[in-house]
PDB file of all heavy atoms in Angstrom:
ATOM      1  N   ASN A   1      85.204  26.204 101.066  1.00  0.00           N
ATOM      2  CA  ASN A   1      86.023  26.231  99.856  1.00  0.00           C
ATOM      3  C   ASN A   1      87.293  25.416 100.039  1.00  0.00           C
ATOM      4  O   ASN A   1      87.712  24.680  99.133  1.00  0.00           O
ATOM      5  CB  ASN A   1      86.369  27.681  99.496  1.00  0.00           C
ATOM      6  CG  ASN A   1      86.769  27.827  98.035  1.00  0.00           C
ATOM      7  OD1 ASN A   1      87.361  26.931  97.456  1.00  0.00           O
ATOM      8  ND2 ASN A   1      86.445  28.951  97.436  1.00  0.00           N
ATOM      9  N   ILE A   2      87.907  25.545 101.201  1.00  0.00           N
ATOM     10  CA  ILE A   2      89.138  24.797 101.491  1.00  0.00           C
ATOM     11  C   ILE A   2      88.867  23.289 101.422  1.00  0.00           C
ATOM     12  O   ILE A   2      89.634  22.530 100.824  1.00  0.00           O
ATOM     13  CB  ILE A   2      89.715  25.194 102.868  1.00  0.00           C
ATOM     14  CG1 ILE A   2      90.214  26.644 102.814  1.00  0.00           C
ATOM     15  CG2 ILE A   2      90.851  24.253 103.283  1.00  0.00           C
ATOM     16  CD1 ILE A   2      90.574  27.220 104.154  1.00  0.00           C
ATOM     17  N   ILE A   3      87.762  22.865 102.033  1.00  0.00           N
ATOM     18  CA  ILE A   3      87.401  21.446 102.027  1.00  0.00           C
ATOM     19  C   ILE A   3      87.133  20.962 100.606  1.00  0.00           C
ATOM     20  O   ILE A   3      87.566  19.878 100.202  1.00  0.00           O
ATOM     21  CB  ILE A   3      86.166  21.203 102.929  1.00  0.00           C
ATOM     22  CG1 ILE A   3      86.509  21.498 104.402  1.00  0.00           C
ATOM     23  CG2 ILE A   3      85.637  19.781 102.766  1.00  0.00           C
ATOM     24  CD1 ILE A   3      87.653  20.697 104.973  1.00  0.00           C
ATOM     25  N   ASN A   4      86.444  21.768  99.828  1.00  0.00           N
ATOM     26  CA  ASN A   4      86.180  21.425  98.427  1.00  0.00           C
ATOM     27  C   ASN A   4      87.482  21.254  97.648  1.00  0.00           C
ATOM     28  O   ASN A   4      87.634  20.309  96.855  1.00  0.00           O
ATOM     29  CB  ASN A   4      85.320  22.520  97.799  1.00  0.00           C
ATOM     30  CG  ASN A   4      85.033  22.263  96.328  1.00  0.00           C
ATOM     31  OD1 ASN A   4      84.434  21.261  95.957  1.00  0.00           O
ATOM     32  ND2 ASN A   4      85.469  23.181  95.471  1.00  0.00           N
ATOM     33  N   GLN A   5      88.433  22.153  97.879  1.00  0.00           N
ATOM     34  CA  GLN A   5      89.723  22.097  97.184  1.00  0.00           C
ATOM     35  C   GLN A   5      90.533  20.870  97.604  1.00  0.00           C
ATOM     36  O   GLN A   5      91.192  20.241  96.771  1.00  0.00           O
ATOM     37  CB  GLN A   5      90.523  23.381  97.483  1.00  0.00           C
ATOM     38  CG  GLN A   5      89.966  24.630  96.829  1.00  0.00           C
ATOM     39  CD  GLN A   5      89.978  24.545  95.313  1.00  0.00           C
ATOM     40  OE1 GLN A   5      90.949  24.105  94.706  1.00  0.00           O
ATOM     41  NE2 GLN A   5      88.873  24.936  94.687  1.00  0.00           N
ATOM     42  N   ILE A   6      90.488  20.534  98.895  1.00  0.00           N
ATOM     43  CA  ILE A   6      91.201  19.345  99.381  1.00  0.00           C
ATOM     44  C   ILE A   6      90.664  18.095  98.677  1.00  0.00           C
ATOM     45  O   ILE A   6      91.420  17.217  98.262  1.00  0.00           O
ATOM     46  CB  ILE A   6      91.080  19.213 100.918  1.00  0.00           C
ATOM     47  CG1 ILE A   6      91.916  20.305 101.614  1.00  0.00           C
ATOM     48  CG2 ILE A   6      91.524  17.821 101.392  1.00  0.00           C
ATOM     49  CD1 ILE A   6      91.700  20.416 103.107  1.00  0.00           C
ATOM     50  N   GLY A   7      89.334  18.035  98.524  1.00  0.00           N
ATOM     51  CA  GLY A   7      88.712  16.924  97.813  1.00  0.00           C
ATOM     52  C   GLY A   7      89.231  16.795  96.390  1.00  0.00           C
ATOM     53  O   GLY A   7      89.554  15.700  95.918  1.00  0.00           O
ATOM     54  N   LYS A   8      89.348  17.935  95.706  1.00  0.00           N
ATOM     55  CA  LYS A   8      89.850  17.950  94.328  1.00  0.00           C
ATOM     56  C   LYS A   8      91.290  17.460  94.254  1.00  0.00           C
ATOM     57  O   LYS A   8      91.670  16.718  93.340  1.00  0.00           O
ATOM     58  CB  LYS A   8      89.773  19.367  93.753  1.00  0.00           C
ATOM     59  CG  LYS A   8      88.393  19.802  93.310  1.00  0.00           C
ATOM     60  CD  LYS A   8      88.460  21.185  92.692  1.00  0.00           C
ATOM     61  CE  LYS A   8      87.097  21.655  92.216  1.00  0.00           C
ATOM     62  NZ  LYS A   8      87.183  23.028  91.624  1.00  0.00           N
ATOM     63  N   LYS A   9      92.105  17.896  95.223  1.00  0.00           N
ATOM     64  CA  LYS A   9      93.528  17.564  95.211  1.00  0.00           C
ATOM     65  C   LYS A   9      93.784  16.060  95.361  1.00  0.00           C
ATOM     66  O   LYS A   9      94.796  15.548  94.883  1.00  0.00           O
ATOM     67  CB  LYS A   9      94.260  18.324  96.328  1.00  0.00           C
ATOM     68  CG  LYS A   9      94.314  19.839  96.137  1.00  0.00           C
ATOM     69  CD  LYS A   9      95.283  20.239  95.049  1.00  0.00           C
ATOM     70  CE  LYS A   9      95.405  21.750  94.941  1.00  0.00           C
ATOM     71  NZ  LYS A   9      96.325  22.152  93.844  1.00  0.00           N
ATOM     72  N   ILE A  10      92.879  15.366  96.045  1.00  0.00           N
ATOM     73  CA  ILE A  10      93.062  13.917  96.208  1.00  0.00           C
ATOM     74  C   ILE A  10      92.198  13.138  95.195  1.00  0.00           C
ATOM     75  O   ILE A  10      91.908  11.958  95.365  1.00  0.00           O
ATOM     76  CB  ILE A  10      92.781  13.454  97.661  1.00  0.00           C
ATOM     77  CG1 ILE A  10      91.356  13.830  98.103  1.00  0.00           C
ATOM     78  CG2 ILE A  10      93.816  13.995  98.610  1.00  0.00           C
ATOM     79  CD1 ILE A  10      90.936  13.182  99.409  1.00  0.00           C
ATOM     80  N   LYS A  11      91.781  13.878  94.145  1.00  0.00           N
ATOM     81  CA  LYS A  11      91.050  13.304  93.012  1.00  0.00           C
ATOM     82  C   LYS A  11      89.734  12.642  93.405  1.00  0.00           C
ATOM     83  O   LYS A  11      89.369  11.570  92.911  1.00  0.00           O
ATOM     84  CB  LYS A  11      91.954  12.331  92.259  1.00  0.00           C
ATOM     85  CG  LYS A  11      93.159  13.022  91.639  1.00  0.00           C
ATOM     86  CD  LYS A  11      94.041  12.061  90.884  1.00  0.00           C
ATOM     87  CE  LYS A  11      95.249  12.795  90.290  1.00  0.00           C
ATOM     88  NZ  LYS A  11      96.146  11.892  89.550  1.00  0.00           N
ATOM     89  N   THR A  12      89.026  13.307  94.323  1.00  0.00           N
ATOM     90  CA  THR A  12      87.669  12.898  94.685  1.00  0.00           C
ATOM     91  C   THR A  12      86.897  14.177  95.004  1.00  0.00           C
ATOM     92  O   THR A  12      87.219  15.241  94.469  1.00  0.00           O
ATOM     93  CB  THR A  12      87.658  11.897  95.860  1.00  0.00           C
ATOM     94  OG1 THR A  12      86.302  11.482  96.092  1.00  0.00           O
ATOM     95  CG2 THR A  12      88.233  12.463  97.129  1.00  0.00           C
ATOM     96  N   TYR A  13      85.892  14.090  95.852  1.00  0.00           N
ATOM     97  CA  TYR A  13      85.121  15.266  96.237  1.00  0.00           C
ATOM     98  C   TYR A  13      85.052  15.349  97.758  1.00  0.00           C
ATOM     99  O   TYR A  13      85.436  14.414  98.459  1.00  0.00           O
ATOM    100  CB  TYR A  13      83.710  15.203  95.652  1.00  0.00           C
ATOM    101  CG  TYR A  13      83.698  15.046  94.150  1.00  0.00           C
ATOM    102  CD1 TYR A  13      83.269  13.854  93.557  1.00  0.00           C
ATOM    103  CD2 TYR A  13      84.133  16.076  93.324  1.00  0.00           C
ATOM    104  CE1 TYR A  13      83.277  13.702  92.175  1.00  0.00           C
ATOM    105  CE2 TYR A  13      84.145  15.934  91.944  1.00  0.00           C
ATOM    106  CZ  TYR A  13      83.717  14.738  91.377  1.00  0.00           C
ATOM    107  OH  TYR A  13      83.725  14.599  90.016  1.00  0.00           O
ATOM    108  N   ALA A  14      84.571  16.477  98.261  1.00  0.00           N
ATOM    109  CA  ALA A  14      84.437  16.640  99.706  1.00  0.00           C
ATOM    110  C   ALA A  14      83.471  17.775 100.015  1.00  0.00           C
ATOM    111  O   ALA A  14      83.364  18.735  99.260  1.00  0.00           O
ATOM    112  CB  ALA A  14      85.801  16.931 100.341  1.00  0.00           C
ATOM    113  N   HIS A  15      82.763  17.641 101.124  1.00  0.00           N
ATOM    114  CA  HIS A  15      81.916  18.746 101.602  1.00  0.00           C
ATOM    115  C   HIS A  15      81.837  18.694 103.124  1.00  0.00           C
ATOM    116  O   HIS A  15      82.101  17.666 103.750  1.00  0.00           O
ATOM    117  CB  HIS A  15      80.518  18.694 100.979  1.00  0.00           C
ATOM    118  CG  HIS A  15      79.647  17.584 101.482  1.00  0.00           C
ATOM    119  ND1 HIS A  15      79.744  16.291 101.015  1.00  0.00           N
ATOM    120  CD2 HIS A  15      78.661  17.568 102.417  1.00  0.00           C
ATOM    121  CE1 HIS A  15      78.856  15.529 101.634  1.00  0.00           C
ATOM    122  NE2 HIS A  15      78.192  16.277 102.490  1.00  0.00           N
ATOM    123  N   ILE A  16      81.470  19.827 103.711  1.00  0.00           N
ATOM    124  CA  ILE A  16      81.385  19.949 105.166  1.00  0.00           C
ATOM    125  C   ILE A  16      80.071  19.365 105.679  1.00  0.00           C
ATOM    126  O   ILE A  16      79.003  19.649 105.146  1.00  0.00           O
ATOM    127  CB  ILE A  16      81.503  21.429 105.601  1.00  0.00           C
ATOM    128  CG1 ILE A  16      82.948  21.916 105.429  1.00  0.00           C
ATOM    129  CG2 ILE A  16      81.054  21.611 107.047  1.00  0.00           C
ATOM    130  CD1 ILE A  16      83.134  23.373 105.742  1.00  0.00           C
ATOM    131  N   ILE A  17      80.158  18.566 106.748  1.00  0.00           N
ATOM    132  CA  ILE A  17      78.945  18.060 107.392  1.00  0.00           C
ATOM    133  C   ILE A  17      78.761  18.656 108.790  1.00  0.00           C
ATOM    134  O   ILE A  17      77.676  18.592 109.363  1.00  0.00           O
ATOM    135  CB  ILE A  17      78.922  16.518 107.447  1.00  0.00           C
ATOM    136  CG1 ILE A  17      80.158  15.957 108.162  1.00  0.00           C
ATOM    137  CG2 ILE A  17      78.805  15.934 106.054  1.00  0.00           C
ATOM    138  CD1 ILE A  17      80.119  14.447 108.358  1.00  0.00           C
ATOM    139  N   SER A  18      79.830  19.247 109.319  1.00  0.00           N
ATOM    140  CA  SER A  18      79.737  19.906 110.624  1.00  0.00           C
ATOM    141  C   SER A  18      80.808  20.988 110.720  1.00  0.00           C
ATOM    142  O   SER A  18      81.947  20.772 110.319  1.00  0.00           O
ATOM    143  CB  SER A  18      79.939  18.879 111.746  1.00  0.00           C
ATOM    144  OG  SER A  18      79.979  19.516 113.007  1.00  0.00           O
ATOM    145  N   LEU A  19      80.398  22.160 111.242  1.00  0.00           N
ATOM    146  CA  LEU A  19      81.342  23.274 111.384  1.00  0.00           C
ATOM    147  C   LEU A  19      80.978  24.087 112.612  1.00  0.00           C
ATOM    148  O   LEU A  19      79.816  24.444 112.816  1.00  0.00           O
ATOM    149  CB  LEU A  19      81.295  24.159 110.132  1.00  0.00           C
ATOM    150  CG  LEU A  19      82.293  25.322 110.062  1.00  0.00           C
ATOM    151  CD1 LEU A  19      83.736  24.806 110.032  1.00  0.00           C
ATOM    152  CD2 LEU A  19      82.026  26.181 108.820  1.00  0.00           C
ATOM    153  N   LYS A  20      81.989  24.356 113.436  1.00  0.00           N
ATOM    154  CA  LYS A  20      81.761  25.144 114.655  1.00  0.00           C
ATOM    155  C   LYS A  20      82.867  26.177 114.821  1.00  0.00           C
ATOM    156  O   LYS A  20      84.051  25.829 114.735  1.00  0.00           O
ATOM    157  CB  LYS A  20      81.722  24.245 115.890  1.00  0.00           C
ATOM    158  CG  LYS A  20      81.538  25.027 117.205  1.00  0.00           C
ATOM    159  CD  LYS A  20      81.573  24.120 118.409  1.00  0.00           C
ATOM    160  CE  LYS A  20      80.230  23.490 118.638  1.00  0.00           C
ATOM    161  NZ  LYS A  20      80.168  22.775 119.954  1.00  0.00           N
ATOM    162  N   ARG A  21      82.485  27.437 115.049  1.00  0.00           N
ATOM    163  CA  ARG A  21      83.476  28.481 115.347  1.00  0.00           C
ATOM    164  C   ARG A  21      83.674  28.510 116.852  1.00  0.00           C
ATOM    165  O   ARG A  21      82.736  28.756 117.608  1.00  0.00           O
ATOM    166  CB  ARG A  21      83.002  29.840 114.830  1.00  0.00           C
ATOM    167  CG  ARG A  21      84.067  30.914 114.995  1.00  0.00           C
ATOM    168  CD  ARG A  21      83.844  32.067 114.032  1.00  0.00           C
ATOM    169  NE  ARG A  21      82.635  32.824 114.291  1.00  0.00           N
ATOM    170  CZ  ARG A  21      82.118  33.713 113.450  1.00  0.00           C
ATOM    171  NH1 ARG A  21      82.688  33.948 112.287  1.00  0.00           N
ATOM    172  NH2 ARG A  21      81.016  34.361 113.745  1.00  0.00           N
ATOM    173  N   THR A  22      84.904  28.262 117.286  1.00  0.00           N
ATOM    174  CA  THR A  22      85.191  28.137 118.717  1.00  0.00           C
ATOM    175  C   THR A  22      85.907  29.344 119.325  1.00  0.00           C
ATOM    176  O   THR A  22      85.987  29.463 120.541  1.00  0.00           O
ATOM    177  CB  THR A  22      86.047  26.883 118.983  1.00  0.00           C
ATOM    178  OG1 THR A  22      87.264  26.984 118.225  1.00  0.00           O
ATOM    179  CG2 THR A  22      85.299  25.626 118.579  1.00  0.00           C
ATOM    180  N   LYS A  23      86.410  30.234 118.449  1.00  0.00           N
ATOM    181  CA  LYS A  23      87.159  31.377 118.974  1.00  0.00           C
ATOM    182  C   LYS A  23      87.185  32.521 117.965  1.00  0.00           C
ATOM    183  O   LYS A  23      87.311  32.293 116.764  1.00  0.00           O
ATOM    184  CB  LYS A  23      88.593  30.952 119.318  1.00  0.00           C
ATOM    185  CG  LYS A  23      89.398  31.993 120.071  1.00  0.00           C
ATOM    186  CD  LYS A  23      90.823  31.500 120.316  1.00  0.00           C
ATOM    187  CE  LYS A  23      91.673  32.576 120.963  1.00  0.00           C
ATOM    188  NZ  LYS A  23      93.097  32.208 121.037  1.00  0.00           N
ATOM    189  N   ILE A  24      87.050  33.743 118.476  1.00  0.00           N
ATOM    190  CA  ILE A  24      87.288  34.960 117.696  1.00  0.00           C
ATOM    191  C   ILE A  24      88.155  35.871 118.564  1.00  0.00           C
ATOM    192  O   ILE A  24      87.696  36.368 119.595  1.00  0.00           O
ATOM    193  CB  ILE A  24      85.991  35.725 117.361  1.00  0.00           C
ATOM    194  CG1 ILE A  24      85.034  34.870 116.530  1.00  0.00           C
ATOM    195  CG2 ILE A  24      86.318  37.012 116.589  1.00  0.00           C
ATOM    196  CD1 ILE A  24      83.730  35.568 116.216  1.00  0.00           C
ATOM    197  N   GLY A  25      89.394  36.090 118.158  1.00  0.00           N
ATOM    198  CA  GLY A  25      90.275  36.958 118.936  1.00  0.00           C
ATOM    199  C   GLY A  25      90.376  36.532 120.380  1.00  0.00           C
ATOM    200  O   GLY A  25      90.859  35.446 120.697  1.00  0.00           O
ATOM    201  N   LYS A  26      89.861  37.380 121.285  1.00  0.00           N
ATOM    202  CA  LYS A  26      89.935  37.126 122.723  1.00  0.00           C
ATOM    203  C   LYS A  26      88.674  36.449 123.268  1.00  0.00           C
ATOM    204  O   LYS A  26      88.520  36.290 124.471  1.00  0.00           O
ATOM    205  CB  LYS A  26      90.138  38.455 123.460  1.00  0.00           C
ATOM    206  CG  LYS A  26      91.369  39.231 123.011  1.00  0.00           C
ATOM    207  CD  LYS A  26      91.370  40.642 123.595  1.00  0.00           C
ATOM    208  CE  LYS A  26      92.473  41.504 122.968  1.00  0.00           C
ATOM    209  NZ  LYS A  26      93.818  41.079 123.355  1.00  0.00           N
ATOM    210  N   PHE A  27      87.767  36.056 122.383  1.00  0.00           N
ATOM    211  CA  PHE A  27      86.490  35.492 122.811  1.00  0.00           C
ATOM    212  C   PHE A  27      86.435  33.990 122.518  1.00  0.00           C
ATOM    213  O   PHE A  27      86.694  33.562 121.398  1.00  0.00           O
ATOM    214  CB  PHE A  27      85.337  36.214 122.108  1.00  0.00           C
ATOM    215  CG  PHE A  27      85.384  37.709 122.293  1.00  0.00           C
ATOM    216  CD1 PHE A  27      85.856  38.528 121.276  1.00  0.00           C
ATOM    217  CD2 PHE A  27      84.985  38.290 123.478  1.00  0.00           C
ATOM    218  CE1 PHE A  27      85.916  39.904 121.439  1.00  0.00           C
ATOM    219  CE2 PHE A  27      85.039  39.665 123.658  1.00  0.00           C
ATOM    220  CZ  PHE A  27      85.513  40.476 122.641  1.00  0.00           C
ATOM    221  N   TYR A  28      86.078  33.201 123.567  1.00  0.00           N
ATOM    222  CA  TYR A  28      86.101  31.746 123.480  1.00  0.00           C
ATOM    223  C   TYR A  28      84.698  31.144 123.597  1.00  0.00           C
ATOM    224  O   TYR A  28      83.841  31.687 124.282  1.00  0.00           O
ATOM    225  CB  TYR A  28      86.965  31.153 124.597  1.00  0.00           C
ATOM    226  CG  TYR A  28      88.428  31.522 124.516  1.00  0.00           C
ATOM    227  CD1 TYR A  28      88.885  32.745 124.987  1.00  0.00           C
ATOM    228  CD2 TYR A  28      89.358  30.638 123.972  1.00  0.00           C
ATOM    229  CE1 TYR A  28      90.234  33.090 124.918  1.00  0.00           C
ATOM    230  CE2 TYR A  28      90.710  30.961 123.906  1.00  0.00           C
ATOM    231  CZ  TYR A  28      91.138  32.192 124.381  1.00  0.00           C
ATOM    232  OH  TYR A  28      92.463  32.533 124.312  1.00  0.00           O
ATOM    233  N   ILE A  29      84.509  29.998 122.959  1.00  0.00           N
ATOM    234  CA  ILE A  29      83.234  29.296 122.996  1.00  0.00           C
ATOM    235  C   ILE A  29      82.837  28.918 124.429  1.00  0.00           C
ATOM    236  O   ILE A  29      81.647  28.887 124.769  1.00  0.00           O
ATOM    237  CB  ILE A  29      83.270  28.023 122.095  1.00  0.00           C
ATOM    238  CG1 ILE A  29      81.879  27.432 121.886  1.00  0.00           C
ATOM    239  CG2 ILE A  29      84.221  26.977 122.641  1.00  0.00           C
ATOM    240  CD1 ILE A  29      81.015  28.158 120.922  1.00  0.00           C
ATOM    241  N   LYS A  30      83.826  28.645 125.286  1.00  0.00           N
ATOM    242  CA  LYS A  30      83.526  28.242 126.665  1.00  0.00           C
ATOM    243  C   LYS A  30      82.850  29.368 127.453  1.00  0.00           C
ATOM    244  O   LYS A  30      82.199  29.118 128.470  1.00  0.00           O
ATOM    245  CB  LYS A  30      84.804  27.792 127.386  1.00  0.00           C
ATOM    246  CG  LYS A  30      85.836  28.889 127.593  1.00  0.00           C
ATOM    247  CD  LYS A  30      87.073  28.361 128.309  1.00  0.00           C
ATOM    248  CE  LYS A  30      88.114  29.461 128.523  1.00  0.00           C
ATOM    249  NZ  LYS A  30      89.337  28.951 129.181  1.00  0.00           N
ATOM    250  N   ASN A  31      82.999  30.602 126.976  1.00  0.00           N
ATOM    251  CA  ASN A  31      82.377  31.744 127.651  1.00  0.00           C
ATOM    252  C   ASN A  31      81.088  32.207 126.959  1.00  0.00           C
ATOM    253  O   ASN A  31      80.555  33.257 127.286  1.00  0.00           O
ATOM    254  CB  ASN A  31      83.361  32.920 127.702  1.00  0.00           C
ATOM    255  CG  ASN A  31      84.617  32.582 128.489  1.00  0.00           C
ATOM    256  OD1 ASN A  31      84.546  31.913 129.503  1.00  0.00           O
ATOM    257  ND2 ASN A  31      85.765  33.013 128.007  1.00  0.00           N
ATOM    258  N   SER A  32      80.611  31.407 126.011  1.00  0.00           N
ATOM    259  CA  SER A  32      79.416  31.805 125.253  1.00  0.00           C
ATOM    260  C   SER A  32      78.143  31.300 125.918  1.00  0.00           C
ATOM    261  O   SER A  32      78.183  30.457 126.817  1.00  0.00           O
ATOM    262  CB  SER A  32      79.504  31.255 123.825  1.00  0.00           C
ATOM    263  OG  SER A  32      79.438  29.848 123.837  1.00  0.00           O
ATOM    264  N   TYR A  33      77.002  31.825 125.446  1.00  0.00           N
ATOM    265  CA  TYR A  33      75.703  31.463 126.006  1.00  0.00           C
ATOM    266  C   TYR A  33      74.741  31.024 124.921  1.00  0.00           C
ATOM    267  O   TYR A  33      74.644  31.646 123.865  1.00  0.00           O
ATOM    268  CB  TYR A  33      75.112  32.636 126.785  1.00  0.00           C
ATOM    269  CG  TYR A  33      75.966  33.030 127.963  1.00  0.00           C
ATOM    270  CD1 TYR A  33      76.859  34.100 127.862  1.00  0.00           C
ATOM    271  CD2 TYR A  33      75.923  32.303 129.146  1.00  0.00           C
ATOM    272  CE1 TYR A  33      77.674  34.436 128.943  1.00  0.00           C
ATOM    273  CE2 TYR A  33      76.737  32.639 130.221  1.00  0.00           C
ATOM    274  CZ  TYR A  33      77.610  33.701 130.112  1.00  0.00           C
ATOM    275  OH  TYR A  33      78.422  34.036 131.165  1.00  0.00           O
ATOM    276  N   LYS A  34      74.031  29.945 125.197  1.00  0.00           N
ATOM    277  CA  LYS A  34      73.027  29.438 124.261  1.00  0.00           C
ATOM    278  C   LYS A  34      71.709  30.173 124.457  1.00  0.00           C
ATOM    279  O   LYS A  34      71.489  30.823 125.482  1.00  0.00           O
ATOM    280  CB  LYS A  34      72.839  27.939 124.461  1.00  0.00           C
ATOM    281  CG  LYS A  34      74.073  27.125 124.103  1.00  0.00           C
ATOM    282  CD  LYS A  34      73.826  25.636 124.296  1.00  0.00           C
ATOM    283  CE  LYS A  34      75.063  24.832 123.900  1.00  0.00           C
ATOM    284  NZ  LYS A  34      74.863  23.380 124.084  1.00  0.00           N
ATOM    285  N   LEU A  35      70.851  30.042 123.477  1.00  0.00           N
ATOM    286  CA  LEU A  35      69.561  30.733 123.502  1.00  0.00           C
ATOM    287  C   LEU A  35      68.745  30.372 124.744  1.00  0.00           C
ATOM    288  O   LEU A  35      68.127  31.239 125.363  1.00  0.00           O
ATOM    289  CB  LEU A  35      68.772  30.379 122.233  1.00  0.00           C
ATOM    290  CG  LEU A  35      67.597  31.284 121.884  1.00  0.00           C
ATOM    291  CD1 LEU A  35      68.051  32.710 121.614  1.00  0.00           C
ATOM    292  CD2 LEU A  35      66.851  30.733 120.685  1.00  0.00           C
ATOM    293  N   LYS A  36      68.780  29.109 125.150  1.00  0.00           N
ATOM    294  CA  LYS A  36      67.990  28.675 126.304  1.00  0.00           C
ATOM    295  C   LYS A  36      68.451  29.363 127.593  1.00  0.00           C
ATOM    296  O   LYS A  36      67.637  29.607 128.497  1.00  0.00           O
ATOM    297  CB  LYS A  36      68.038  27.157 126.464  1.00  0.00           C
ATOM    298  CG  LYS A  36      69.412  26.585 126.745  1.00  0.00           C
ATOM    299  CD  LYS A  36      69.354  25.063 126.870  1.00  0.00           C
ATOM    300  CE  LYS A  36      70.717  24.473 127.168  1.00  0.00           C
ATOM    301  NZ  LYS A  36      70.674  22.997 127.291  1.00  0.00           N
ATOM    302  N   ASN A  37      69.770  29.694 127.682  1.00  0.00           N
ATOM    303  CA  ASN A  37      70.275  30.399 128.865  1.00  0.00           C
ATOM    304  C   ASN A  37      69.636  31.776 128.986  1.00  0.00           C
ATOM    305  O   ASN A  37      69.365  32.262 130.087  1.00  0.00           O
ATOM    306  CB  ASN A  37      71.793  30.586 128.787  1.00  0.00           C
ATOM    307  CG  ASN A  37      72.561  29.280 128.728  1.00  0.00           C
ATOM    308  OD1 ASN A  37      73.363  29.079 127.830  1.00  0.00           O
ATOM    309  ND2 ASN A  37      72.314  28.397 129.671  1.00  0.00           N
ATOM    310  N   LEU A  38      69.412  32.396 127.842  1.00  0.00           N
ATOM    311  CA  LEU A  38      68.884  33.758 127.816  1.00  0.00           C
ATOM    312  C   LEU A  38      67.369  33.784 128.014  1.00  0.00           C
ATOM    313  O   LEU A  38      66.833  34.650 128.693  1.00  0.00           O
ATOM    314  CB  LEU A  38      69.240  34.425 126.483  1.00  0.00           C
ATOM    315  CG  LEU A  38      70.726  34.421 126.115  1.00  0.00           C
ATOM    316  CD1 LEU A  38      70.920  34.960 124.708  1.00  0.00           C
ATOM    317  CD2 LEU A  38      71.530  35.245 127.110  1.00  0.00           C
ATOM    318  N   ILE A  39      66.685  32.804 127.424  1.00  0.00           N
ATOM    319  CA  ILE A  39      65.217  32.760 127.502  1.00  0.00           C
ATOM    320  C   ILE A  39      64.733  32.476 128.922  1.00  0.00           C
ATOM    321  O   ILE A  39      63.781  33.089 129.403  1.00  0.00           O
ATOM    322  CB  ILE A  39      64.656  31.709 126.528  1.00  0.00           C
ATOM    323  CG1 ILE A  39      64.881  32.163 125.080  1.00  0.00           C
ATOM    324  CG2 ILE A  39      63.166  31.466 126.776  1.00  0.00           C
ATOM    325  CD1 ILE A  39      64.540  31.119 124.045  1.00  0.00           C
ATOM    326  N   TYR A  40      65.399  31.546 129.607  1.00  0.00           N
ATOM    327  CA  TYR A  40      64.912  31.103 130.907  1.00  0.00           C
ATOM    328  C   TYR A  40      65.528  31.808 132.110  1.00  0.00           C
ATOM    329  O   TYR A  40      65.225  31.474 133.238  1.00  0.00           O
ATOM    330  CB  TYR A  40      65.106  29.583 131.041  1.00  0.00           C
ATOM    331  CG  TYR A  40      64.329  28.806 130.010  1.00  0.00           C
ATOM    332  CD1 TYR A  40      64.982  28.104 129.000  1.00  0.00           C
ATOM    333  CD2 TYR A  40      62.936  28.805 130.023  1.00  0.00           C
ATOM    334  CE1 TYR A  40      64.265  27.408 128.034  1.00  0.00           C
ATOM    335  CE2 TYR A  40      62.218  28.113 129.064  1.00  0.00           C
ATOM    336  CZ  TYR A  40      62.885  27.415 128.077  1.00  0.00           C
ATOM    337  OH  TYR A  40      62.172  26.727 127.129  1.00  0.00           O
ATOM    338  N   ASN A  41      66.418  32.760 131.865  1.00  0.00           N
ATOM    339  CA  ASN A  41      67.035  33.469 132.983  1.00  0.00           C
ATOM    340  C   ASN A  41      66.543  34.910 133.035  1.00  0.00           C
ATOM    341  O   ASN A  41      66.642  35.646 132.060  1.00  0.00           O
ATOM    342  CB  ASN A  41      68.563  33.439 132.849  1.00  0.00           C
ATOM    343  CG  ASN A  41      69.250  33.777 134.163  1.00  0.00           C
ATOM    344  OD1 ASN A  41      69.070  34.857 134.693  1.00  0.00           O
ATOM    345  ND2 ASN A  41      70.026  32.847 134.677  1.00  0.00           N
ATOM    346  N   LYS A  42      66.017  35.313 134.180  1.00  0.00           N
ATOM    347  CA  LYS A  42      65.472  36.670 134.329  1.00  0.00           C
ATOM    348  C   LYS A  42      66.569  37.729 134.335  1.00  0.00           C
ATOM    349  O   LYS A  42      66.355  38.861 133.941  1.00  0.00           O
ATOM    350  CB  LYS A  42      64.650  36.755 135.614  1.00  0.00           C
ATOM    351  CG  LYS A  42      63.365  35.938 135.561  1.00  0.00           C
ATOM    352  CD  LYS A  42      62.597  36.036 136.867  1.00  0.00           C
ATOM    353  CE  LYS A  42      61.332  35.187 136.802  1.00  0.00           C
ATOM    354  NZ  LYS A  42      60.589  35.235 138.087  1.00  0.00           N
ATOM    355  N   LYS A  43      67.757  37.375 134.814  1.00  0.00           N
ATOM    356  CA  LYS A  43      68.871  38.335 134.882  1.00  0.00           C
ATOM    357  C   LYS A  43      69.700  38.230 133.594  1.00  0.00           C
ATOM    358  O   LYS A  43      70.870  37.894 133.621  1.00  0.00           O
ATOM    359  CB  LYS A  43      69.732  38.063 136.111  1.00  0.00           C
ATOM    360  CG  LYS A  43      68.982  38.288 137.422  1.00  0.00           C
ATOM    361  CD  LYS A  43      69.873  37.996 138.620  1.00  0.00           C
ATOM    362  CE  LYS A  43      69.111  38.214 139.917  1.00  0.00           C
ATOM    363  NZ  LYS A  43      69.940  37.888 141.102  1.00  0.00           N
ATOM    364  N   LYS A  44      69.074  38.547 132.481  1.00  0.00           N
ATOM    365  CA  LYS A  44      69.714  38.380 131.172  1.00  0.00           C
ATOM    366  C   LYS A  44      70.948  39.254 131.008  1.00  0.00           C
ATOM    367  O   LYS A  44      71.900  38.879 130.357  1.00  0.00           O
ATOM    368  CB  LYS A  44      68.712  38.680 130.063  1.00  0.00           C
ATOM    369  CG  LYS A  44      67.512  37.756 130.047  1.00  0.00           C
ATOM    370  CD  LYS A  44      66.554  38.145 128.952  1.00  0.00           C
ATOM    371  CE  LYS A  44      65.338  37.233 128.913  1.00  0.00           C
ATOM    372  NZ  LYS A  44      64.434  37.439 130.049  1.00  0.00           N
TER     373      LYS A  44
END
């Protein structure tokens, strides 16, 4: 919505092509695990 509004304000349009959440509170993306880490590791 913010991106859409920014587009309007500069008298054109806009939309998101990429979005990544990197942090929630005390939790960081650098400490996260991808699906492949979980599938191929026996000590899940």
